[in-house]
C-alpha cells in the first residue's frame, strides 16, 4: 500500500514510551493503537486522526506518508 502510517516514529520522537501511554493521552482504545504503531492498519477514522494529532502535537501529514511503488 503506498500510504504509510508513521505513528510509531512520531510517538518515539514525542517521548511516548508505550502504546498504553499514547492510548491514555489520546483517548483511543489501546487495541486500536497497536496496528497504527506497527503500520499495519488498513484505514484510519478522521476522529482517530484528530485525537492522535492532538496527543502528539502534530499535523495529519506528519502521521501519513505517501510512497509510490
C-alpha atoms as a PDB file:
ATOM      1  CA  UNK A   1       0.000   0.000   0.000  1.00  0.00           C
ATOM      2  CA  UNK A   2       1.508   3.359  -0.959  1.00  0.00           C
ATOM      3  CA  UNK A   3       0.188   5.223   2.129  1.00  0.00           C
ATOM      4  CA  UNK A   4       2.329   4.528   5.186  1.00  0.00           C
ATOM      5  CA  UNK A   5       1.246   5.287   8.753  1.00  0.00           C
ATOM      6  CA  UNK A   6       4.103   6.815  10.766  1.00  0.00           C
ATOM      7  CA  UNK A   7       2.508   6.852  14.241  1.00  0.00           C
ATOM      8  CA  UNK A   8       5.274   4.735  15.778  1.00  0.00           C
ATOM      9  CA  UNK A   9       8.101   7.032  14.738  1.00  0.00           C
ATOM     10  CA  UNK A  10       6.271  10.227  15.750  1.00  0.00           C
ATOM     11  CA  UNK A  11       5.327   8.594  19.053  1.00  0.00           C
ATOM     12  CA  UNK A  12       9.003   7.861  19.777  1.00  0.00           C
ATOM     13  CA  UNK A  13      10.072  11.395  18.790  1.00  0.00           C
ATOM     14  CA  UNK A  14       7.498  12.851  21.182  1.00  0.00           C
ATOM     15  CA  UNK A  15       8.743  10.743  24.103  1.00  0.00           C
ATOM     16  CA  UNK A  16       5.880   8.277  24.460  1.00  0.00           C
ATOM     17  CA  UNK A  17       7.392   5.152  25.998  1.00  0.00           C
ATOM     18  CA  UNK A  18       4.461   2.807  25.374  1.00  0.00           C
ATOM     19  CA  UNK A  19       1.363   2.307  23.304  1.00  0.00           C
ATOM     20  CA  UNK A  20      -0.683   2.431  26.505  1.00  0.00           C
ATOM     21  CA  UNK A  21       0.675   5.916  27.264  1.00  0.00           C
ATOM     22  CA  UNK A  22      -0.419   7.100  23.819  1.00  0.00           C
ATOM     23  CA  UNK A  23      -3.826   5.446  24.256  1.00  0.00           C
ATOM     24  CA  UNK A  24      -4.335   7.244  27.562  1.00  0.00           C
ATOM     25  CA  UNK A  25      -3.165  10.603  26.192  1.00  0.00           C
ATOM     26  CA  UNK A  26      -5.334  10.368  23.086  1.00  0.00           C
ATOM     27  CA  UNK A  27      -8.409   8.635  24.499  1.00  0.00           C
ATOM     28  CA  UNK A  28      -8.123   5.951  21.808  1.00  0.00           C
ATOM     29  CA  UNK A  29      -8.773   2.326  22.708  1.00  0.00           C
ATOM     30  CA  UNK A  30      -5.418   0.560  23.253  1.00  0.00           C
ATOM     31  CA  UNK A  31      -6.441  -2.200  20.821  1.00  0.00           C
ATOM     32  CA  UNK A  32      -6.587   0.422  18.059  1.00  0.00           C
ATOM     33  CA  UNK A  33      -3.160   1.865  18.856  1.00  0.00           C
ATOM     34  CA  UNK A  34      -1.180  -1.320  18.118  1.00  0.00           C
ATOM     35  CA  UNK A  35      -1.957  -1.561  14.379  1.00  0.00           C
ATOM     36  CA  UNK A  36      -1.365   2.171  13.982  1.00  0.00           C
ATOM     37  CA  UNK A  37       2.040   1.982  15.661  1.00  0.00           C
ATOM     38  CA  UNK A  38       3.049  -1.115  13.674  1.00  0.00           C
ATOM     39  CA  UNK A  39       1.815   0.494  10.462  1.00  0.00           C
ATOM     40  CA  UNK A  40      -0.496  -2.414   9.689  1.00  0.00           C
ATOM     41  CA  UNK A  41      -3.807  -0.527   9.966  1.00  0.00           C
ATOM     42  CA  UNK A  42      -5.768  -0.581   6.710  1.00  0.00           C
ATOM     43  CA  UNK A  43      -7.768   2.572   7.445  1.00  0.00           C
ATOM     44  CA  UNK A  44      -7.925   5.387   9.948  1.00  0.00           C
ATOM     45  CA  UNK A  45     -11.009   7.272  11.048  1.00  0.00           C
ATOM     46  CA  UNK A  46     -10.817  11.082  10.948  1.00  0.00           C
ATOM     47  CA  UNK A  47     -11.776  11.239  14.619  1.00  0.00           C
ATOM     48  CA  UNK A  48      -8.887   8.920  15.452  1.00  0.00           C
ATOM     49  CA  UNK A  49      -6.547  11.022  13.337  1.00  0.00           C
ATOM     50  CA  UNK A  50      -7.742  14.139  15.165  1.00  0.00           C
ATOM     51  CA  UNK A  51      -7.079  12.592  18.584  1.00  0.00           C
ATOM     52  CA  UNK A  52      -3.643  11.357  17.540  1.00  0.00           C
ATOM     53  CA  UNK A  53      -2.672  14.783  16.214  1.00  0.00           C
ATOM     54  CA  UNK A  54      -3.801  16.443  19.439  1.00  0.00           C
ATOM     55  CA  UNK A  55      -1.941  13.952  21.670  1.00  0.00           C
ATOM     56  CA  UNK A  56       1.223  14.002  19.542  1.00  0.00           C
ATOM     57  CA  UNK A  57       1.156  17.749  18.770  1.00  0.00           C
ATOM     58  CA  UNK A  58       1.490  17.160  15.045  1.00  0.00           C
ATOM     59  CA  UNK A  59      -0.300  17.548  11.731  1.00  0.00           C
ATOM     60  CA  UNK A  60      -2.009  14.717   9.791  1.00  0.00           C
ATOM     61  CA  UNK A  61       0.762  14.932   7.182  1.00  0.00           C
ATOM     62  CA  UNK A  62       3.271  14.023   9.881  1.00  0.00           C
ATOM     63  CA  UNK A  63       1.437  10.741  10.504  1.00  0.00           C
ATOM     64  CA  UNK A  64       0.678   9.736   6.919  1.00  0.00           C
ATOM     65  CA  UNK A  65       3.265   9.441   4.154  1.00  0.00           C
ATOM     66  CA  UNK A  66       2.804   8.542   0.510  1.00  0.00           C
ATOM     67  CA  UNK A  67       5.385   6.220  -1.016  1.00  0.00           C
ATOM     68  CA  UNK A  68       4.969   5.457  -4.698  1.00  0.00           C
ATOM     69  CA  UNK A  69       5.506   1.837  -5.688  1.00  0.00           C
END
